[in-house]
Amino acid sequence: MAKFKCLECKKEFELETTEVVMKCVYCGSRYLSKLEGEPLKRGKSWNSKSFSVGGPNN
């Protein structure tokens, strides 16, 4: 559980951080600001590579 604030309707609420898509429970907006709780881990970091780069022998 973490506490969020909606950036559109400005209401604060608690939400499970395991949700695939986190939305405001009041207005449905996806623009949220995390106020407190565990850090969110979502997939790979922005600079990670998910592909192989061929070497000179390929």
C-alpha atoms as a PDB file:
ATOM      1  CA  MET A   1       0.000   0.000   0.000  1.00  0.00           C
ATOM      2  CA  ALA A   2       1.154   3.508  -0.767  1.00  0.00           C
ATOM      3  CA  LYS A   3      -0.392   6.953  -0.456  1.00  0.00           C
ATOM      4  CA  PHE A   4      -0.952   8.946  -3.639  1.00  0.00           C
ATOM      5  CA  LYS A   5      -2.334  12.338  -4.615  1.00  0.00           C
ATOM      6  CA  CYS A   6      -4.147  12.851  -7.909  1.00  0.00           C
ATOM      7  CA  LEU A   7      -2.617  15.719  -9.885  1.00  0.00           C
ATOM      8  CA  GLU A   8      -5.963  16.518 -11.534  1.00  0.00           C
ATOM      9  CA  CYS A   9      -8.605  16.388  -8.775  1.00  0.00           C
ATOM     10  CA  LYS A  10      -6.056  16.934  -5.916  1.00  0.00           C
ATOM     11  CA  LYS A  11      -7.556  14.185  -3.702  1.00  0.00           C
ATOM     12  CA  GLU A  12      -5.360  11.890  -1.591  1.00  0.00           C
ATOM     13  CA  PHE A  13      -5.946   8.130  -1.340  1.00  0.00           C
ATOM     14  CA  GLU A  14      -4.212   4.803  -0.703  1.00  0.00           C
ATOM     15  CA  LEU A  15      -3.675   2.275  -3.459  1.00  0.00           C
ATOM     16  CA  GLU A  16      -2.008  -1.125  -3.846  1.00  0.00           C
ATOM     17  CA  THR A  17       1.343  -0.748  -5.598  1.00  0.00           C
ATOM     18  CA  THR A  18       0.849  -4.116  -7.348  1.00  0.00           C
ATOM     19  CA  GLU A  19      -1.812  -2.713  -9.703  1.00  0.00           C
ATOM     20  CA  VAL A  20      -0.855  -2.922 -13.392  1.00  0.00           C
ATOM     21  CA  VAL A  21      -2.314   0.518 -14.143  1.00  0.00           C
ATOM     22  CA  MET A  22      -2.664   2.859 -11.199  1.00  0.00           C
ATOM     23  CA  LYS A  23      -5.504   5.361 -11.499  1.00  0.00           C
ATOM     24  CA  CYS A  24      -7.191   7.851  -9.215  1.00  0.00           C
ATOM     25  CA  VAL A  25     -10.083   6.162  -7.435  1.00  0.00           C
ATOM     26  CA  TYR A  26     -12.119   9.380  -7.683  1.00  0.00           C
ATOM     27  CA  CYS A  27     -11.683  10.705 -11.227  1.00  0.00           C
ATOM     28  CA  GLY A  28      -9.807   7.898 -13.044  1.00  0.00           C
ATOM     29  CA  SER A  29      -6.770  10.007 -13.948  1.00  0.00           C
ATOM     30  CA  ARG A  30      -3.406   8.250 -14.339  1.00  0.00           C
ATOM     31  CA  TYR A  31      -1.456  11.368 -13.260  1.00  0.00           C
ATOM     32  CA  LEU A  32      -0.556  10.582  -9.655  1.00  0.00           C
ATOM     33  CA  SER A  33       2.046  11.834  -7.225  1.00  0.00           C
ATOM     34  CA  LYS A  34       3.344   9.309  -4.676  1.00  0.00           C
ATOM     35  CA  LEU A  35       3.315  10.815  -1.190  1.00  0.00           C
ATOM     36  CA  GLU A  36       4.561   7.897   0.920  1.00  0.00           C
ATOM     37  CA  GLY A  37       5.157   4.173   0.736  1.00  0.00           C
ATOM     38  CA  GLU A  38       7.559   1.686  -0.816  1.00  0.00           C
ATOM     39  CA  PRO A  39       9.512   2.625  -3.945  1.00  0.00           C
ATOM     40  CA  LEU A  40       7.815   1.523  -7.152  1.00  0.00           C
ATOM     41  CA  LYS A  41       9.692  -0.984  -9.293  1.00  0.00           C
ATOM     42  CA  ARG A  42       8.380  -1.183 -12.824  1.00  0.00           C
ATOM     43  CA  GLY A  43      10.304  -3.389 -15.271  1.00  0.00           C
ATOM     44  CA  LYS A  44      13.758  -2.514 -16.500  1.00  0.00           C
ATOM     45  CA  SER A  45      15.543   0.763 -16.024  1.00  0.00           C
ATOM     46  CA  TRP A  46      15.195   3.322 -18.798  1.00  0.00           C
ATOM     47  CA  ASN A  47      18.675   2.664 -20.154  1.00  0.00           C
ATOM     48  CA  SER A  48      18.719  -1.154 -20.069  1.00  0.00           C
ATOM     49  CA  LYS A  49      19.021  -2.974 -23.356  1.00  0.00           C
ATOM     50  CA  SER A  50      16.722  -5.881 -24.121  1.00  0.00           C
ATOM     51  CA  PHE A  51      18.479  -6.968 -27.289  1.00  0.00           C
ATOM     52  CA  SER A  52      21.800  -8.498 -28.288  1.00  0.00           C
ATOM     53  CA  VAL A  53      24.312  -6.596 -30.341  1.00  0.00           C
ATOM     54  CA  GLY A  54      26.073  -8.723 -32.930  1.00  0.00           C
ATOM     55  CA  GLY A  55      29.843  -8.919 -32.788  1.00  0.00           C
ATOM     56  CA  PRO A  56      32.316  -8.883 -35.691  1.00  0.00           C
ATOM     57  CA  ASN A  57      31.872 -12.662 -36.239  1.00  0.00           C
ATOM     58  CA  ASN A  58      28.113 -12.495 -36.960  1.00  0.00           C
END
